[in-house]
Amino acid sequence: MLWNFLTDYFRCDASLLAEPTMIARSVLQMALFCGSAFFSGSEIALVNAETLRGKD
């Protein structure tokens, strides 16, 4: 019962993934995700650099 509900709930139409708008949205989402990861890493590096500089 639960398994059937979950498979019905998460079922998707694969043909929708090939539409140009969906491809553009996916590319934009990946670009935003990579940008977020880059800036999070930069923030961590700057905080650690300030910590190391303060120990001198």
C-alpha atoms as a PDB file:
ATOM      1  CA  MET A   1       0.000   0.000   0.000  1.00  0.00           C
ATOM      2  CA  LEU A   2       2.634   2.510   1.048  1.00  0.00           C
ATOM      3  CA  TRP A   3       5.013   1.368  -1.678  1.00  0.00           C
ATOM      4  CA  ASN A   4       2.358   1.884  -4.366  1.00  0.00           C
ATOM      5  CA  PHE A   5       1.579   5.339  -3.011  1.00  0.00           C
ATOM      6  CA  LEU A   6       5.244   6.332  -3.068  1.00  0.00           C
ATOM      7  CA  THR A   7       5.862   5.029  -6.583  1.00  0.00           C
ATOM      8  CA  ASP A   8       2.783   6.872  -7.851  1.00  0.00           C
ATOM      9  CA  TYR A   9       3.793  10.051  -6.035  1.00  0.00           C
ATOM     10  CA  PHE A  10       7.356  10.128  -7.387  1.00  0.00           C
ATOM     11  CA  ARG A  11       6.535   8.966 -10.918  1.00  0.00           C
ATOM     12  CA  CYS A  12       7.598  11.461 -13.572  1.00  0.00           C
ATOM     13  CA  ASP A  13       7.201  11.766 -17.305  1.00  0.00           C
ATOM     14  CA  ALA A  14      10.677  11.447 -18.835  1.00  0.00           C
ATOM     15  CA  SER A  15       9.608  13.306 -21.980  1.00  0.00           C
ATOM     16  CA  LEU A  16       9.165  16.475 -19.907  1.00  0.00           C
ATOM     17  CA  LEU A  17      12.876  16.430 -19.051  1.00  0.00           C
ATOM     18  CA  ALA A  18      13.794  16.992 -22.712  1.00  0.00           C
ATOM     19  CA  GLU A  19      11.823  20.221 -23.071  1.00  0.00           C
ATOM     20  CA  PRO A  20      13.986  23.316 -23.621  1.00  0.00           C
ATOM     21  CA  THR A  21      12.562  25.148 -20.608  1.00  0.00           C
ATOM     22  CA  MET A  22      13.324  22.227 -18.315  1.00  0.00           C
ATOM     23  CA  ILE A  23      16.870  21.964 -19.668  1.00  0.00           C
ATOM     24  CA  ALA A  24      17.390  25.699 -19.161  1.00  0.00           C
ATOM     25  CA  ARG A  25      16.045  25.495 -15.606  1.00  0.00           C
ATOM     26  CA  SER A  26      18.298  22.540 -14.815  1.00  0.00           C
ATOM     27  CA  VAL A  27      21.366  24.319 -16.172  1.00  0.00           C
ATOM     28  CA  LEU A  28      20.492  27.463 -14.217  1.00  0.00           C
ATOM     29  CA  GLN A  29      19.955  25.468 -11.035  1.00  0.00           C
ATOM     30  CA  MET A  30      23.326  23.733 -11.421  1.00  0.00           C
ATOM     31  CA  ALA A  31      25.058  27.070 -12.078  1.00  0.00           C
ATOM     32  CA  LEU A  32      23.490  28.573  -8.955  1.00  0.00           C
ATOM     33  CA  PHE A  33      24.451  25.505  -6.924  1.00  0.00           C
ATOM     34  CA  CYS A  34      28.076  25.733  -8.114  1.00  0.00           C
ATOM     35  CA  GLY A  35      28.139  29.469  -7.372  1.00  0.00           C
ATOM     36  CA  SER A  36      26.821  28.833  -3.883  1.00  0.00           C
ATOM     37  CA  ALA A  37      29.474  26.186  -3.270  1.00  0.00           C
ATOM     38  CA  PHE A  38      32.205  28.512  -4.538  1.00  0.00           C
ATOM     39  CA  PHE A  39      31.187  31.417  -2.327  1.00  0.00           C
ATOM     40  CA  SER A  40      30.711  29.165   0.715  1.00  0.00           C
ATOM     41  CA  GLY A  41      34.222  27.829   0.198  1.00  0.00           C
ATOM     42  CA  SER A  42      35.565  31.357  -0.214  1.00  0.00           C
ATOM     43  CA  GLU A  43      33.922  32.440   3.019  1.00  0.00           C
ATOM     44  CA  ILE A  44      35.417  29.510   4.903  1.00  0.00           C
ATOM     45  CA  ALA A  45      38.860  30.248   3.450  1.00  0.00           C
ATOM     46  CA  LEU A  46      38.663  33.907   4.448  1.00  0.00           C
ATOM     47  CA  VAL A  47      37.582  33.096   7.997  1.00  0.00           C
ATOM     48  CA  ASN A  48      40.411  30.576   8.360  1.00  0.00           C
ATOM     49  CA  ALA A  49      42.930  33.042   6.903  1.00  0.00           C
ATOM     50  CA  GLU A  50      41.882  35.673   9.435  1.00  0.00           C
ATOM     51  CA  THR A  51      42.161  33.115  12.231  1.00  0.00           C
ATOM     52  CA  LEU A  52      45.674  32.131  11.149  1.00  0.00           C
ATOM     53  CA  ARG A  53      46.703  35.765  10.747  1.00  0.00           C
ATOM     54  CA  GLY A  54      45.481  36.579  14.265  1.00  0.00           C
ATOM     55  CA  LYS A  55      47.717  33.916  15.841  1.00  0.00           C
ATOM     56  CA  ASP A  56      50.943  35.718  14.825  1.00  0.00           C
END
